[in-house]
Amino acid sequence: MCGLKRLWFFLGALALITVCLPETPLFAQDPGTSQSDAIIDSVGGTVSSSSNITEEMKEELSETAAAVKADGLTEGSLTDGEIANSSYAAHNAWMLVCCALVLFMTAPGLALFYGGLVRRKNVLSVMMHCIFLMGLMTVIWATYGYSLAFGGDGGWIGNGDYVLMNGVQREWSPTLREPVTPMEGDMARMTHMLFQGMFFIITPALICGAFAERMKFASMVIFSIAWGTLIYCPLCHWVWDGGPLSYNDTSILGGALDFAGGTVVHISSGISALVAAILIGPRMGYLKEPIQPHNLTYTALGAAMLWVGWFGFNAGSELLSDGLTSSAFATTHFAAAAGAVTWALAEWLILGKPTVLGASSGAVAGLVCITPAAGFVNLMPALIMGATAGLVCYFACSWLKHKLGYDDALDAFGVHGIGGGLGAILTGVFASRVCWDVSEGVPIGLIESGGNPSLVIGQIAAVLITVAFAGIGSLVLLKLLDVTIGLRVPAEEEQRGLDITAHGEEGYMLA
């Protein structure tokens, strides 16, 4: 208890120091500036009045817009030269890097992180989840998923605008006698599709951590298809495409701020993971015999890769490269650092030794917590959020799970569900107009506004709606699978390990 009191004193001191620091940045950020640099309105096809556009460029853009309209092509499409010779080229290049970084998070990042936490007889089965979902979810996203998530604007679900990549892929202009590329904001729509598709890949992969070592591969595949279609795509549309959870006056309780996926990715996957863990039941021998990670080297390396990849996940969610991108990059790093230190410190004070698993898990907890807030909070609040997540998720994984008796094998709920919910609520506390002025100069966060709870209420509502929607939806899907093909492998197969019984391979062939 003495160690725990010292820990609370340390965190209280950190919070006091941070609150007392000034909120005013050294340089005022204007996240809308990049929009004024746009050379063409990709929605309406009209030329911008930006001062850095020559008359010759304006004339060329007007000709392109007229040709695209005459040919019946996707409105706002640009030629290769128009993209390459404008600021779009830099924004598009940055976003393509972010696409690669987020994919890198699933494999090798998550594959190694999860792979090291299971027993050696199941290491390949966990990696197979990640690799196979990289392929499966991409096919779904390309055929209809992107359209369900981002087709149209507002409402409860997308439309068929982008089915089979219609309006996304490059098109031929007979008038111009050259190809044109549909645009989405400051990038090619293909790039936007790819970036959002990487989120679609990793989210169901996170859920797999809850039922690792005991779920049928076929059941995992069918569940992932149904979950991505019926839960992820609608939720994504609600939050990021003008739906009822987006931040505007027509949304539920004013909507919520979710910069990079606190609700869409982490809370949805975390609560679904908890439902799956409870429904499928604990692993054989759970709480009766030691079930230890077989390779913490993998886990530490995977955590480091997730940390790096998360820069693309969060900073990339600005969807262009500007001052806010740098801020989101920095808050991401600060929260991860604080989470790693706090979790390890908690172990050190309570258990007597800091562990590499604790530092790795704490970093991920900090990253999860800052995800919804990355573009809305300043740097010192990011440290508080990361430290809080490290401590809260530590107790969720070390105490709450054992107290309630559920077997969330790789702590998908304890880190992503708890950390994501915490981050969403703290976003309402620390959000500031100096980061992203989404409220047109009006103070928004609980602290900045002097105690106005409206944003916090909206954040809590979004958390509860996400929990209910994803939780109930996952329960229905898993129940249907259980009564049809079954969820769990036979006891003999679980005893031998899924590497051999499900995939006919071994992770280690050592003499």
Protein backbone atom coordinates (compact mmCIF):
# COMPACT_ATOMS: atom_id res chain seq x y z
CA MET A 1 0.00 0.00 0.00
CA CYS A 2 2.88 2.34 0.72
CA GLY A 3 4.12 1.95 -2.85
CA LEU A 4 0.65 2.60 -4.22
CA LYS A 5 0.37 5.83 -2.19
CA ARG A 6 3.70 7.02 -3.58
CA LEU A 7 2.45 6.29 -7.10
CA TRP A 8 -0.70 8.36 -6.58
CA PHE A 9 1.40 11.20 -5.14
CA PHE A 10 3.66 11.14 -8.21
CA LEU A 11 0.73 11.25 -10.64
CA GLY A 12 -0.99 14.00 -8.67
CA ALA A 13 2.14 16.10 -8.77
CA LEU A 14 2.46 15.54 -12.52
CA ALA A 15 -1.16 16.59 -13.07
CA LEU A 16 -0.71 19.73 -10.94
CA ILE A 17 2.42 20.79 -12.82
CA THR A 18 0.74 20.23 -16.18
CA VAL A 19 -2.43 22.13 -15.30
CA CYS A 20 -0.37 25.10 -14.10
CA LEU A 21 1.55 25.36 -17.39
CA PRO A 22 0.26 27.94 -19.90
CA GLU A 23 -1.93 26.71 -22.73
CA THR A 24 -0.93 29.41 -25.19
CA PRO A 25 1.26 27.97 -27.96
CA LEU A 26 4.40 29.66 -29.19
CA PHE A 27 2.93 29.83 -32.66
CA ALA A 28 -0.76 30.01 -33.46
CA GLN A 29 -1.89 27.09 -35.56
CA ASP A 30 -4.49 27.40 -38.29
CA PRO A 31 -5.51 23.95 -39.50
CA GLY A 32 -7.73 25.51 -42.13
CA THR A 33 -4.82 27.23 -43.86
CA SER A 34 -4.08 24.27 -46.11
CA GLN A 35 -7.60 24.42 -47.49
CA SER A 36 -6.98 27.97 -48.73
CA ASP A 37 -3.96 26.70 -50.62
CA ALA A 38 -6.09 24.30 -52.63
CA ILE A 39 -5.97 25.00 -56.33
CA ILE A 40 -9.32 23.48 -57.12
CA ASP A 41 -12.47 22.56 -55.25
CA SER A 42 -12.52 18.77 -55.61
CA VAL A 43 -16.23 18.65 -54.86
CA GLY A 44 -17.56 21.43 -57.01
CA GLY A 45 -14.83 21.50 -59.63
CA THR A 46 -14.33 25.27 -59.34
CA VAL A 47 -11.00 27.02 -59.36
CA SER A 48 -9.81 28.51 -56.05
CA SER A 49 -8.83 32.15 -55.71
CA SER A 50 -5.56 31.24 -53.98
CA SER A 51 -2.94 33.89 -54.73
CA ASN A 52 -0.23 31.36 -55.61
CA ILE A 53 -2.06 30.21 -58.74
CA THR A 54 -1.02 31.75 -62.03
CA GLU A 55 -3.56 32.77 -64.63
CA GLU A 56 -2.24 30.01 -66.88
CA MET A 57 -2.87 27.41 -64.16
CA LYS A 58 -6.37 28.75 -63.56
CA GLU A 59 -7.15 28.44 -67.24
CA GLU A 60 -5.79 24.88 -67.36
CA LEU A 61 -7.82 23.86 -64.31
CA SER A 62 -10.97 25.37 -65.77
CA GLU A 63 -10.42 23.42 -68.98
CA THR A 64 -9.96 20.20 -67.01
CA ALA A 65 -13.13 20.78 -64.99
CA ALA A 66 -15.10 21.44 -68.16
CA ALA A 67 -13.69 18.35 -69.86
CA VAL A 68 -14.42 16.13 -66.87
CA LYS A 69 -17.99 17.36 -66.79
CA ALA A 70 -18.45 16.93 -70.54
CA ASP A 71 -17.07 13.37 -70.42
CA GLY A 72 -19.31 12.41 -67.49
CA LEU A 73 -16.34 11.60 -65.27
CA THR A 74 -15.98 11.99 -61.49
CA GLU A 75 -16.36 15.65 -60.57
CA GLY A 76 -13.22 17.35 -59.32
CA SER A 77 -10.79 14.95 -61.02
CA LEU A 78 -7.36 16.30 -61.91
CA THR A 79 -4.69 15.41 -64.44
CA ASP A 80 -1.31 14.06 -63.36
CA GLY A 81 0.38 17.36 -64.17
CA GLU A 82 -2.07 19.38 -62.12
CA ILE A 83 -1.45 17.16 -59.10
CA ALA A 84 2.32 17.00 -59.51
CA ASN A 85 2.71 20.77 -59.91
CA SER A 86 0.66 21.74 -56.87
CA SER A 87 0.67 21.28 -53.10
CA TYR A 88 -1.46 18.17 -53.62
CA ALA A 89 1.70 16.25 -54.54
CA ALA A 90 3.23 16.75 -51.09
CA HIS A 91 0.01 16.00 -49.23
CA ASN A 92 -0.57 12.87 -51.30
CA ALA A 93 3.00 11.66 -50.76
CA TRP A 94 2.72 12.09 -46.98
CA MET A 95 -0.57 10.21 -46.92
CA LEU A 96 0.86 7.31 -48.92
CA VAL A 97 3.63 7.03 -46.31
CA CYS A 98 0.95 6.97 -43.62
CA CYS A 99 -0.86 4.17 -45.48
CA ALA A 100 2.31 2.08 -45.28
CA LEU A 101 2.84 2.95 -41.61
CA VAL A 102 -0.68 1.87 -40.60
CA LEU A 103 -0.41 -1.38 -42.56
CA PHE A 104 2.95 -1.92 -40.84
CA MET A 105 1.05 -1.81 -37.54
CA THR A 106 -0.92 -4.98 -38.40
CA ALA A 107 2.05 -6.95 -39.67
CA PRO A 108 4.70 -7.11 -38.48
CA GLY A 109 3.65 -4.89 -35.53
CA LEU A 110 0.52 -6.51 -34.11
CA ALA A 111 1.53 -9.94 -35.41
CA LEU A 112 4.71 -9.86 -33.33
CA PHE A 113 3.09 -8.16 -30.33
CA TYR A 114 0.32 -10.75 -30.11
CA GLY A 115 2.51 -13.60 -31.33
CA GLY A 116 4.93 -13.24 -28.44
CA LEU A 117 2.14 -13.21 -25.86
CA VAL A 118 0.68 -16.62 -26.72
CA ARG A 119 2.22 -20.02 -26.07
CA ARG A 120 4.65 -21.34 -28.68
CA LYS A 121 2.13 -23.87 -30.00
CA ASN A 122 -0.16 -21.02 -31.12
CA VAL A 123 2.26 -18.38 -32.42
CA LEU A 124 1.53 -19.05 -36.10
CA SER A 125 -2.23 -19.08 -35.58
CA VAL A 126 -2.10 -15.53 -34.19
CA MET A 127 0.16 -14.34 -37.00
CA MET A 128 -2.15 -16.00 -39.51
CA HIS A 129 -5.04 -13.93 -38.16
CA CYS A 130 -3.12 -10.75 -38.93
CA ILE A 131 -1.78 -11.79 -42.34
CA PHE A 132 -5.06 -13.28 -43.55
CA LEU A 133 -7.09 -10.26 -42.42
CA MET A 134 -4.72 -7.98 -44.33
CA GLY A 135 -5.91 -9.75 -47.46
CA LEU A 136 -9.53 -10.46 -46.58
CA MET A 137 -10.46 -7.01 -45.28
CA THR A 138 -8.76 -5.33 -48.24
CA VAL A 139 -10.95 -7.27 -50.68
CA ILE A 140 -14.09 -6.31 -48.74
CA TRP A 141 -13.02 -2.67 -48.53
CA ALA A 142 -12.30 -2.50 -52.26
CA THR A 143 -15.55 -4.11 -53.38
CA TYR A 144 -18.10 -2.42 -51.12
CA GLY A 145 -16.72 -1.50 -47.67
CA TYR A 146 -15.32 1.92 -48.60
CA SER A 147 -18.62 2.84 -50.21
CA LEU A 148 -20.63 1.82 -47.14
CA ALA A 149 -18.32 3.85 -44.90
CA PHE A 150 -17.73 6.96 -47.02
CA GLY A 151 -20.34 6.98 -49.77
CA GLY A 152 -22.71 9.92 -49.56
CA ASP A 153 -22.74 12.28 -46.60
CA GLY A 154 -24.66 12.03 -43.35
CA GLY A 155 -27.30 9.50 -42.46
CA TRP A 156 -26.80 6.09 -40.91
CA ILE A 157 -24.93 4.28 -43.68
CA GLY A 158 -23.10 5.10 -46.88
CA ASN A 159 -24.40 4.49 -50.38
CA GLY A 160 -23.20 2.76 -53.54
CA ASP A 161 -21.15 5.64 -54.94
CA TYR A 162 -17.82 3.83 -54.62
CA VAL A 163 -18.83 0.20 -55.10
CA LEU A 164 -16.13 -1.69 -57.06
CA MET A 165 -13.98 1.46 -56.85
CA ASN A 166 -16.29 3.50 -59.07
CA GLY A 167 -15.39 7.15 -58.58
CA VAL A 168 -12.15 6.15 -56.88
CA GLN A 169 -9.94 4.67 -59.58
CA ARG A 170 -8.41 6.64 -62.44
CA GLU A 171 -10.55 7.42 -65.47
CA TRP A 172 -9.88 8.25 -69.13
CA SER A 173 -10.91 11.61 -70.51
CA PRO A 174 -11.59 11.47 -74.27
CA THR A 175 -11.68 15.27 -74.38
CA LEU A 176 -8.30 15.73 -72.70
CA ARG A 177 -6.91 12.52 -74.23
CA GLU A 178 -5.26 11.60 -70.92
CA PRO A 179 -6.21 9.97 -67.61
CA VAL A 180 -7.59 11.93 -64.67
CA THR A 181 -7.63 11.08 -60.95
CA PRO A 182 -10.64 11.63 -58.64
CA MET A 183 -9.68 13.75 -55.63
CA GLU A 184 -10.70 13.63 -51.97
CA GLY A 185 -9.70 16.79 -50.17
CA ASP A 186 -5.96 17.30 -50.60
CA MET A 187 -5.16 13.84 -51.94
CA ALA A 188 -6.19 11.35 -54.57
CA ARG A 189 -9.36 9.53 -53.51
CA MET A 190 -7.42 6.29 -54.02
CA THR A 191 -5.04 7.43 -51.30
CA HIS A 192 -7.90 8.26 -48.95
CA MET A 193 -9.43 4.85 -49.68
CA LEU A 194 -6.14 3.10 -48.94
CA PHE A 195 -5.53 5.01 -45.72
CA GLN A 196 -8.98 4.34 -44.32
CA GLY A 197 -8.73 0.73 -45.50
CA MET A 198 -5.71 0.16 -43.27
CA PHE A 199 -7.92 1.02 -40.27
CA PHE A 200 -10.49 -1.47 -41.55
CA ILE A 201 -7.77 -4.14 -41.54
CA ILE A 202 -6.32 -3.66 -38.07
CA THR A 203 -9.60 -3.25 -36.16
CA PRO A 204 -10.85 -6.86 -36.42
CA ALA A 205 -7.26 -8.03 -35.94
CA LEU A 206 -7.31 -6.34 -32.52
CA ILE A 207 -10.38 -8.37 -31.54
CA CYS A 208 -8.51 -11.60 -32.26
CA GLY A 209 -6.41 -11.02 -29.16
CA ALA A 210 -9.39 -11.82 -26.93
CA PHE A 211 -10.11 -15.30 -28.30
CA ALA A 212 -6.52 -16.28 -29.17
CA GLU A 213 -5.56 -19.95 -28.80
CA ARG A 214 -9.09 -21.34 -28.91
CA MET A 215 -11.33 -20.05 -31.73
CA LYS A 216 -11.95 -21.86 -35.00
CA PHE A 217 -10.24 -20.19 -37.93
CA ALA A 218 -13.37 -20.45 -40.10
CA SER A 219 -15.45 -18.78 -37.39
CA MET A 220 -12.91 -15.99 -37.10
CA VAL A 221 -13.07 -15.40 -40.86
CA ILE A 222 -16.87 -15.28 -41.05
CA PHE A 223 -17.11 -13.13 -37.94
CA SER A 224 -14.59 -10.64 -39.33
CA ILE A 225 -16.50 -10.33 -42.62
CA ALA A 226 -19.82 -9.78 -40.85
CA TRP A 227 -18.36 -7.51 -38.17
CA GLY A 228 -16.56 -5.31 -40.69
CA THR A 229 -19.66 -5.00 -42.85
CA LEU A 230 -22.38 -4.58 -40.22
CA ILE A 231 -20.55 -2.85 -37.38
CA TYR A 232 -17.37 -1.12 -38.55
CA CYS A 233 -18.70 0.44 -41.77
CA PRO A 234 -21.83 2.00 -40.21
CA LEU A 235 -19.87 3.23 -37.18
CA CYS A 236 -17.19 4.73 -39.41
CA HIS A 237 -19.89 6.54 -41.39
CA TRP A 238 -21.52 7.85 -38.20
CA VAL A 239 -18.28 9.37 -36.93
CA TRP A 240 -16.26 10.40 -40.00
CA ASP A 241 -18.75 10.98 -42.79
CA GLY A 242 -21.27 13.37 -41.30
CA GLY A 243 -23.34 10.76 -39.46
CA PRO A 244 -25.09 11.04 -36.07
CA LEU A 245 -21.86 10.83 -34.02
CA SER A 246 -19.90 13.41 -36.01
CA TYR A 247 -19.21 16.78 -34.42
CA ASN A 248 -22.01 19.09 -35.61
CA ASP A 249 -25.23 20.66 -34.39
CA THR A 250 -27.46 17.98 -35.93
CA SER A 251 -25.70 15.03 -34.27
CA ILE A 252 -26.71 13.25 -31.07
CA LEU A 253 -26.00 15.68 -28.20
CA GLY A 254 -23.83 17.69 -30.56
CA GLY A 255 -21.71 14.71 -31.57
CA ALA A 256 -18.18 13.87 -30.45
CA LEU A 257 -14.58 14.55 -31.41
CA ASP A 258 -12.73 11.49 -32.66
CA PHE A 259 -9.55 12.41 -34.48
CA ALA A 260 -8.21 8.98 -35.37
CA GLY A 261 -10.48 6.22 -34.10
CA GLY A 262 -11.20 6.14 -30.38
CA THR A 263 -14.78 5.05 -31.03
CA VAL A 264 -14.46 3.62 -34.53
CA VAL A 265 -11.41 1.44 -33.86
CA HIS A 266 -10.58 1.00 -30.18
CA ILE A 267 -13.86 1.07 -28.27
CA SER A 268 -15.66 -0.97 -30.92
CA SER A 269 -12.93 -3.62 -31.06
CA GLY A 270 -12.43 -3.60 -27.29
CA ILE A 271 -16.06 -4.20 -26.35
CA SER A 272 -16.41 -6.79 -29.13
CA ALA A 273 -13.33 -8.53 -27.76
CA LEU A 274 -14.87 -8.65 -24.28
CA VAL A 275 -18.11 -10.14 -25.64
CA ALA A 276 -16.13 -12.74 -27.60
CA ALA A 277 -13.95 -13.66 -24.61
CA ILE A 278 -16.97 -14.17 -22.35
CA LEU A 279 -19.02 -16.05 -24.92
CA ILE A 280 -16.29 -18.43 -26.07
CA GLY A 281 -15.09 -19.07 -22.51
CA PRO A 282 -11.62 -19.20 -20.97
CA ARG A 283 -8.70 -21.21 -22.24
CA MET A 284 -8.12 -24.66 -20.79
CA GLY A 285 -6.30 -24.28 -17.48
CA TYR A 286 -6.97 -20.55 -17.15
CA LEU A 287 -6.47 -19.43 -13.51
CA LYS A 288 -5.58 -23.05 -12.66
CA GLU A 289 -2.14 -23.36 -14.23
CA PRO A 290 0.46 -20.88 -15.53
CA ILE A 291 -0.20 -19.61 -19.08
CA GLN A 292 2.89 -17.58 -19.88
CA PRO A 293 3.93 -15.60 -22.98
CA HIS A 294 6.41 -17.69 -24.95
CA ASN A 295 8.54 -14.90 -26.47
CA LEU A 296 8.56 -11.43 -24.94
CA THR A 297 11.26 -10.42 -27.40
CA TYR A 298 8.60 -10.60 -30.14
CA THR A 299 6.23 -8.59 -27.99
CA ALA A 300 8.71 -5.82 -27.25
CA LEU A 301 9.69 -5.54 -30.92
CA GLY A 302 6.02 -5.55 -31.92
CA ALA A 303 5.25 -2.77 -29.43
CA ALA A 304 8.08 -0.65 -30.84
CA MET A 305 6.73 -1.19 -34.35
CA LEU A 306 3.25 -0.23 -33.24
CA TRP A 307 4.66 2.94 -31.67
CA VAL A 308 6.30 3.93 -34.96
CA GLY A 309 3.31 2.94 -37.08
CA TRP A 310 0.97 4.93 -34.85
CA PHE A 311 2.49 8.15 -36.16
CA GLY A 312 0.86 7.34 -39.48
CA PHE A 313 -2.33 6.30 -37.71
CA ASN A 314 -2.76 9.53 -35.73
CA ALA A 315 -0.79 12.23 -37.54
CA GLY A 316 -2.05 10.86 -40.85
CA SER A 317 -5.62 11.37 -39.72
CA GLU A 318 -5.22 15.09 -40.39
CA LEU A 319 -5.42 13.88 -44.03
CA LEU A 320 -2.78 16.37 -45.15
CA SER A 321 0.54 17.80 -43.98
CA ASP A 322 0.37 21.01 -41.96
CA GLY A 323 0.95 22.39 -38.46
CA LEU A 324 -1.77 20.25 -36.94
CA THR A 325 -0.08 17.18 -38.39
CA SER A 326 3.02 18.02 -36.36
CA SER A 327 0.92 18.54 -33.25
CA ALA A 328 -0.82 15.18 -33.65
CA PHE A 329 2.55 13.51 -34.23
CA ALA A 330 3.92 15.04 -31.03
CA THR A 331 0.90 14.24 -28.85
CA THR A 332 1.04 10.65 -30.07
CA HIS A 333 4.68 10.31 -29.07
CA PHE A 334 4.23 12.04 -25.71
CA ALA A 335 1.26 9.87 -24.71
CA ALA A 336 3.06 6.67 -25.64
CA ALA A 337 6.11 7.73 -23.62
CA ALA A 338 4.04 8.62 -20.55
CA GLY A 339 2.08 5.37 -20.79
CA ALA A 340 5.22 3.25 -20.95
CA VAL A 341 6.79 4.99 -17.96
CA THR A 342 3.64 4.93 -15.82
CA TRP A 343 2.80 1.24 -16.35
CA ALA A 344 6.40 0.22 -15.64
CA LEU A 345 6.50 2.51 -12.62
CA ALA A 346 3.28 0.98 -11.27
CA GLU A 347 4.81 -2.48 -11.54
CA TRP A 348 8.01 -1.27 -9.93
CA LEU A 349 6.21 0.24 -6.93
CA ILE A 350 3.59 -2.49 -6.48
CA LEU A 351 5.41 -5.65 -7.56
CA GLY A 352 8.99 -4.61 -6.97
CA LYS A 353 10.22 -4.90 -10.58
CA PRO A 354 9.45 -3.08 -13.83
CA THR A 355 8.95 -5.45 -16.78
CA VAL A 356 9.47 -5.12 -20.52
CA LEU A 357 5.93 -6.44 -20.99
CA GLY A 358 4.64 -3.67 -18.72
CA ALA A 359 6.53 -0.93 -20.55
CA SER A 360 5.38 -2.31 -23.91
CA SER A 361 1.75 -2.57 -22.81
CA GLY A 362 1.88 0.90 -21.26
CA ALA A 363 3.13 2.43 -24.50
CA VAL A 364 0.25 0.83 -26.40
CA ALA A 365 -2.23 1.99 -23.74
CA GLY A 366 -0.97 5.56 -24.10
CA LEU A 367 -1.26 5.34 -27.87
CA VAL A 368 -4.81 4.04 -27.65
CA CYS A 369 -5.85 6.77 -25.22
CA ILE A 370 -4.47 9.64 -27.32
CA THR A 371 -5.97 8.35 -30.58
CA PRO A 372 -9.31 10.20 -30.36
CA ALA A 373 -7.59 13.31 -28.98
CA ALA A 374 -4.41 13.53 -31.05
CA GLY A 375 -5.48 16.56 -33.09
CA PHE A 376 -7.58 18.23 -30.40
CA VAL A 377 -5.34 18.42 -27.31
CA ASN A 378 -2.05 20.15 -26.68
CA LEU A 379 1.24 18.56 -25.69
CA MET A 380 1.15 18.64 -21.89
CA PRO A 381 -2.38 17.21 -21.69
CA ALA A 382 -1.09 14.42 -23.93
CA LEU A 383 1.37 13.48 -21.19
CA ILE A 384 -1.44 13.40 -18.62
CA MET A 385 -3.61 11.26 -20.89
CA GLY A 386 -0.81 8.80 -21.55
CA ALA A 387 0.09 8.52 -17.88
CA THR A 388 -3.54 8.07 -16.87
CA ALA A 389 -4.03 5.38 -19.49
CA GLY A 390 -0.92 3.53 -18.34
CA LEU A 391 -2.22 3.39 -14.78
CA VAL A 392 -5.89 2.67 -15.54
CA CYS A 393 -5.14 -0.01 -18.13
CA TYR A 394 -2.59 -1.61 -15.80
CA PHE A 395 -5.28 -2.18 -13.19
CA ALA A 396 -7.80 -3.26 -15.84
CA CYS A 397 -5.42 -5.95 -17.06
CA SER A 398 -3.91 -7.03 -13.74
CA TRP A 399 -6.86 -6.73 -11.37
CA LEU A 400 -10.21 -6.24 -13.10
CA LYS A 401 -9.81 -9.17 -15.49
CA HIS A 402 -8.99 -11.62 -12.70
CA LYS A 403 -11.62 -10.16 -10.40
CA LEU A 404 -14.38 -10.72 -12.98
CA GLY A 405 -12.91 -13.99 -14.26
CA TYR A 406 -13.09 -13.43 -18.02
CA ASP A 407 -10.20 -14.62 -20.20
CA ASP A 408 -9.29 -11.75 -22.48
CA ALA A 409 -6.21 -13.63 -23.60
CA LEU A 410 -4.12 -10.74 -24.91
CA ASP A 411 -5.91 -7.88 -23.10
CA ALA A 412 -7.71 -6.47 -26.13
CA PHE A 413 -10.49 -5.12 -23.91
CA GLY A 414 -8.22 -4.07 -21.05
CA VAL A 415 -6.08 -1.91 -23.34
CA HIS A 416 -8.24 -0.97 -26.32
CA GLY A 417 -11.69 -0.94 -24.75
CA ILE A 418 -10.72 0.71 -21.47
CA GLY A 419 -8.01 2.90 -22.99
CA GLY A 420 -10.20 3.97 -25.90
CA GLY A 421 -13.11 4.88 -23.66
CA LEU A 422 -10.84 6.79 -21.29
CA GLY A 423 -9.28 8.68 -24.21
CA ALA A 424 -12.65 9.62 -25.69
CA ILE A 425 -13.85 11.11 -22.40
CA LEU A 426 -10.56 12.90 -21.68
CA THR A 427 -10.75 14.41 -25.15
CA GLY A 428 -13.81 16.28 -23.90
CA VAL A 429 -11.81 17.47 -20.90
CA PHE A 430 -8.62 18.65 -22.64
CA ALA A 431 -9.76 19.60 -26.16
CA SER A 432 -8.57 23.08 -27.12
CA ARG A 433 -9.24 25.45 -29.98
CA VAL A 434 -5.51 26.25 -30.15
CA CYS A 435 -4.99 22.83 -31.69
CA TRP A 436 -7.92 22.55 -34.06
CA ASP A 437 -10.46 25.35 -34.01
CA VAL A 438 -13.49 23.19 -34.83
CA SER A 439 -15.80 25.53 -32.90
CA GLU A 440 -14.89 28.75 -34.73
CA GLY A 441 -13.15 30.40 -31.83
CA VAL A 442 -15.46 29.22 -29.05
CA PRO A 443 -13.68 27.35 -26.20
CA ILE A 444 -14.65 23.69 -26.38
CA GLY A 445 -13.00 21.44 -23.79
CA LEU A 446 -14.15 21.26 -20.18
CA ILE A 447 -11.01 23.02 -18.92
CA GLU A 448 -10.68 25.58 -21.71
CA SER A 449 -14.36 26.53 -21.53
CA GLY A 450 -14.24 27.09 -17.78
CA GLY A 451 -16.39 24.10 -16.87
CA ASN A 452 -18.87 23.81 -19.77
CA PRO A 453 -19.66 20.05 -19.83
CA SER A 454 -21.37 19.91 -23.24
CA LEU A 455 -18.46 18.33 -25.08
CA VAL A 456 -17.80 15.80 -22.30
CA ILE A 457 -21.48 14.84 -22.41
CA GLY A 458 -21.25 14.35 -26.16
CA GLN A 459 -18.10 12.25 -25.75
CA ILE A 460 -19.72 10.04 -23.10
CA ALA A 461 -22.80 9.60 -25.30
CA ALA A 462 -20.62 8.51 -28.23
CA VAL A 463 -18.80 6.01 -26.00
CA LEU A 464 -22.06 4.50 -24.72
CA ILE A 465 -23.61 4.30 -28.18
CA THR A 466 -20.48 2.62 -29.55
CA VAL A 467 -20.40 0.14 -26.67
CA ALA A 468 -24.07 -0.73 -27.14
CA PHE A 469 -23.93 -0.98 -30.92
CA ALA A 470 -20.68 -2.95 -31.18
CA GLY A 471 -21.37 -5.06 -28.08
CA ILE A 472 -24.89 -6.13 -29.00
CA GLY A 473 -23.98 -6.55 -32.65
CA SER A 474 -21.01 -8.76 -31.79
CA LEU A 475 -23.12 -10.83 -29.41
CA VAL A 476 -25.69 -11.52 -32.13
CA LEU A 477 -23.05 -12.40 -34.72
CA LEU A 478 -21.13 -14.68 -32.38
CA LYS A 479 -24.29 -16.41 -31.18
CA LEU A 480 -25.34 -17.11 -34.76
CA LEU A 481 -21.92 -18.58 -35.49
CA ASP A 482 -21.98 -20.64 -32.31
CA VAL A 483 -25.27 -22.34 -33.16
CA THR A 484 -24.29 -22.96 -36.80
CA ILE A 485 -20.62 -23.91 -37.16
CA GLY A 486 -19.43 -23.41 -33.56
CA LEU A 487 -16.91 -20.96 -32.19
CA ARG A 488 -14.42 -23.08 -30.30
CA VAL A 489 -12.01 -25.76 -31.45
CA PRO A 490 -12.32 -29.22 -29.84
CA ALA A 491 -10.47 -29.70 -26.57
CA GLU A 492 -7.93 -32.05 -28.16
CA GLU A 493 -7.01 -29.47 -30.81
CA GLU A 494 -6.71 -26.72 -28.21
CA GLN A 495 -4.42 -28.97 -26.16
CA ARG A 496 -2.14 -29.71 -29.12
CA GLY A 497 -2.10 -26.11 -30.31
CA LEU A 498 -3.68 -24.39 -33.29
CA ASP A 499 -0.47 -24.13 -35.28
CA ILE A 500 -0.56 -27.87 -35.97
CA THR A 501 -4.27 -28.60 -35.82
CA ALA A 502 -5.56 -25.59 -37.79
CA HIS A 503 -2.65 -24.82 -40.12
CA GLY A 504 -0.45 -27.94 -40.21
CA GLU A 505 2.69 -25.99 -39.37
CA GLU A 506 5.02 -25.30 -36.46
CA GLY A 507 6.46 -21.96 -35.53
CA TYR A 508 9.78 -23.40 -34.42
CA MET A 509 11.55 -26.31 -36.08
CA LEU A 510 14.60 -26.52 -33.85
CA ALA A 511 16.91 -29.52 -33.71
